[in-house]
Amino acid sequence: MRITINGTSREVSEDVSLSSLLEELDLNANTTVVELNREVVKKSVYPEVKLADGDILELVRFVGGG
């Protein structure tokens, strides 16, 4: 199925969860905020959220520096 991540179309497997996608992208779920179809998703439900064909995600990571 095809989803859009930060404006880029990407092919992913069927029945993929939000947690699985973040792992596949090598992103830490604790430091990544996910907006799914214009709604912010609570971190506590990342494992339960299944993605669907046509979903649009915006992923924002917190990066420390100094």
N, C-alpha and C. Protein backbone atom coordinates (compact mmCIF):
# COMPACT_ATOMS: atom_id res chain seq x y z
N MET A 1 0.84 -1.18 0.00
CA MET A 1 0.00 0.00 0.00
C MET A 1 0.88 1.23 0.00
N ARG A 2 0.32 2.35 -0.39
CA ARG A 2 1.10 3.58 -0.51
C ARG A 2 0.62 4.60 0.52
N ILE A 3 1.59 5.17 1.26
CA ILE A 3 1.32 6.25 2.21
C ILE A 3 2.24 7.42 1.89
N THR A 4 2.00 8.55 2.50
CA THR A 4 2.85 9.72 2.32
C THR A 4 3.46 10.10 3.66
N ILE A 5 4.79 10.23 3.68
CA ILE A 5 5.51 10.60 4.90
C ILE A 5 6.26 11.89 4.62
N ASN A 6 5.90 12.94 5.35
CA ASN A 6 6.53 14.25 5.20
C ASN A 6 6.61 14.66 3.73
N GLY A 7 5.50 14.45 3.01
CA GLY A 7 5.41 14.88 1.62
C GLY A 7 5.96 13.92 0.59
N THR A 8 6.53 12.80 1.02
CA THR A 8 7.13 11.84 0.10
C THR A 8 6.31 10.55 0.11
N SER A 9 5.92 10.12 -1.08
CA SER A 9 5.16 8.89 -1.22
C SER A 9 6.07 7.69 -0.95
N ARG A 10 5.52 6.69 -0.24
CA ARG A 10 6.31 5.53 0.13
C ARG A 10 5.43 4.28 0.12
N GLU A 11 5.98 3.19 -0.37
CA GLU A 11 5.29 1.91 -0.38
C GLU A 11 5.63 1.18 0.92
N VAL A 12 4.59 0.69 1.63
CA VAL A 12 4.80 -0.07 2.86
C VAL A 12 3.94 -1.33 2.79
N SER A 13 4.26 -2.29 3.63
CA SER A 13 3.50 -3.54 3.64
C SER A 13 2.11 -3.32 4.23
N GLU A 14 1.20 -4.20 3.87
CA GLU A 14 -0.15 -4.16 4.42
C GLU A 14 -0.10 -4.45 5.92
N ASP A 15 -1.06 -3.93 6.65
CA ASP A 15 -1.23 -4.22 8.07
C ASP A 15 -0.03 -3.80 8.92
N VAL A 16 0.62 -2.70 8.55
CA VAL A 16 1.75 -2.21 9.31
C VAL A 16 1.24 -1.24 10.39
N SER A 17 1.81 -1.36 11.58
CA SER A 17 1.43 -0.45 12.66
C SER A 17 2.35 0.76 12.64
N LEU A 18 1.92 1.78 13.33
CA LEU A 18 2.72 2.99 13.43
C LEU A 18 4.06 2.69 14.11
N SER A 19 4.06 1.87 15.15
CA SER A 19 5.31 1.49 15.83
C SER A 19 6.25 0.76 14.87
N SER A 20 5.70 -0.17 14.09
CA SER A 20 6.52 -0.92 13.14
C SER A 20 7.14 0.00 12.10
N LEU A 21 6.36 0.96 11.63
CA LEU A 21 6.88 1.91 10.64
C LEU A 21 8.03 2.72 11.22
N LEU A 22 7.88 3.20 12.45
CA LEU A 22 8.95 3.99 13.08
C LEU A 22 10.21 3.15 13.24
N GLU A 23 10.04 1.88 13.62
CA GLU A 23 11.20 0.98 13.73
C GLU A 23 11.87 0.81 12.36
N GLU A 24 11.06 0.60 11.34
CA GLU A 24 11.58 0.42 9.98
C GLU A 24 12.37 1.65 9.52
N LEU A 25 11.90 2.83 9.94
CA LEU A 25 12.57 4.08 9.57
C LEU A 25 13.71 4.42 10.52
N ASP A 26 13.96 3.55 11.50
CA ASP A 26 15.01 3.74 12.51
C ASP A 26 14.80 5.04 13.30
N LEU A 27 13.54 5.28 13.69
CA LEU A 27 13.18 6.45 14.48
C LEU A 27 12.75 6.02 15.87
N ASN A 28 13.18 6.74 16.88
CA ASN A 28 12.82 6.47 18.26
C ASN A 28 11.41 7.01 18.53
N ALA A 29 10.50 6.14 18.91
CA ALA A 29 9.12 6.55 19.16
C ALA A 29 9.01 7.56 20.30
N ASN A 30 9.96 7.52 21.23
CA ASN A 30 9.92 8.46 22.37
C ASN A 30 10.27 9.88 21.98
N THR A 31 10.98 10.06 20.88
CA THR A 31 11.39 11.40 20.46
C THR A 31 10.78 11.80 19.12
N THR A 32 9.76 11.07 18.69
CA THR A 32 9.11 11.37 17.42
C THR A 32 7.63 11.65 17.65
N VAL A 33 7.18 12.79 17.16
CA VAL A 33 5.76 13.13 17.21
C VAL A 33 5.17 12.78 15.85
N VAL A 34 4.01 12.12 15.87
CA VAL A 34 3.38 11.68 14.63
C VAL A 34 2.03 12.37 14.47
N GLU A 35 1.85 12.95 13.29
CA GLU A 35 0.56 13.48 12.90
C GLU A 35 0.05 12.57 11.79
N LEU A 36 -1.10 11.97 11.98
CA LEU A 36 -1.69 11.05 11.02
C LEU A 36 -2.98 11.66 10.50
N ASN A 37 -2.99 11.98 9.21
CA ASN A 37 -4.17 12.60 8.59
C ASN A 37 -4.63 13.82 9.37
N ARG A 38 -3.65 14.66 9.72
CA ARG A 38 -3.87 15.95 10.40
C ARG A 38 -4.27 15.86 11.87
N GLU A 39 -4.12 14.68 12.46
CA GLU A 39 -4.41 14.48 13.88
C GLU A 39 -3.16 13.97 14.58
N VAL A 40 -2.77 14.61 15.68
CA VAL A 40 -1.62 14.15 16.45
C VAL A 40 -1.99 12.85 17.15
N VAL A 41 -1.10 11.87 17.07
CA VAL A 41 -1.33 10.55 17.67
C VAL A 41 -0.59 10.47 19.00
N LYS A 42 -1.26 10.01 20.04
CA LYS A 42 -0.62 9.83 21.35
C LYS A 42 0.36 8.67 21.26
N LYS A 43 1.52 8.86 21.85
CA LYS A 43 2.57 7.83 21.83
C LYS A 43 2.08 6.49 22.39
N SER A 44 1.21 6.54 23.36
CA SER A 44 0.74 5.32 24.01
C SER A 44 -0.04 4.39 23.07
N VAL A 45 -0.55 4.93 21.96
CA VAL A 45 -1.32 4.09 21.04
C VAL A 45 -0.58 3.77 19.74
N TYR A 46 0.70 4.17 19.62
CA TYR A 46 1.48 3.87 18.40
C TYR A 46 1.40 2.39 18.02
N PRO A 47 1.53 1.45 18.98
CA PRO A 47 1.49 0.03 18.59
C PRO A 47 0.12 -0.41 18.06
N GLU A 48 -0.93 0.27 18.46
CA GLU A 48 -2.28 -0.13 18.09
C GLU A 48 -2.76 0.48 16.78
N VAL A 49 -2.12 1.57 16.35
CA VAL A 49 -2.58 2.28 15.16
C VAL A 49 -2.08 1.55 13.91
N LYS A 50 -3.03 1.07 13.11
CA LYS A 50 -2.71 0.41 11.84
C LYS A 50 -2.85 1.44 10.72
N LEU A 51 -1.87 1.46 9.84
CA LEU A 51 -1.90 2.40 8.73
C LEU A 51 -2.74 1.84 7.59
N ALA A 52 -3.30 2.75 6.80
CA ALA A 52 -4.15 2.37 5.68
C ALA A 52 -3.65 3.04 4.41
N ASP A 53 -3.99 2.45 3.29
CA ASP A 53 -3.61 3.00 2.00
C ASP A 53 -4.08 4.45 1.90
N GLY A 54 -3.17 5.34 1.50
CA GLY A 54 -3.51 6.75 1.34
C GLY A 54 -3.29 7.61 2.56
N ASP A 55 -2.90 7.01 3.68
CA ASP A 55 -2.65 7.80 4.89
C ASP A 55 -1.54 8.81 4.64
N ILE A 56 -1.66 9.95 5.33
CA ILE A 56 -0.66 11.01 5.24
C ILE A 56 -0.09 11.23 6.63
N LEU A 57 1.23 11.06 6.74
CA LEU A 57 1.90 11.23 8.03
C LEU A 57 2.89 12.38 7.97
N GLU A 58 2.98 13.09 9.07
CA GLU A 58 4.04 14.07 9.29
C GLU A 58 4.78 13.59 10.52
N LEU A 59 6.08 13.39 10.39
CA LEU A 59 6.91 12.94 11.49
C LEU A 59 7.86 14.05 11.89
N VAL A 60 7.84 14.39 13.18
CA VAL A 60 8.69 15.45 13.70
C VAL A 60 9.52 14.85 14.83
N ARG A 61 10.85 15.02 14.73
CA ARG A 61 11.74 14.49 15.76
C ARG A 61 12.32 15.63 16.57
N PHE A 62 12.47 15.37 17.87
CA PHE A 62 13.12 16.32 18.76
C PHE A 62 14.61 16.01 18.76
N VAL A 63 15.41 17.03 18.52
CA VAL A 63 16.86 16.86 18.48
C VAL A 63 17.47 17.85 19.45
N GLY A 64 18.29 17.32 20.36
CA GLY A 64 18.97 18.17 21.31
C GLY A 64 20.26 18.72 20.74
N GLY A 65 20.69 19.79 21.26
CA GLY A 65 21.96 20.37 20.78
C GLY A 65 22.39 21.44 21.76
N GLY A 66 23.48 22.03 21.42
CA GLY A 66 23.89 23.08 22.33
C GLY A 66 25.23 23.56 22.12
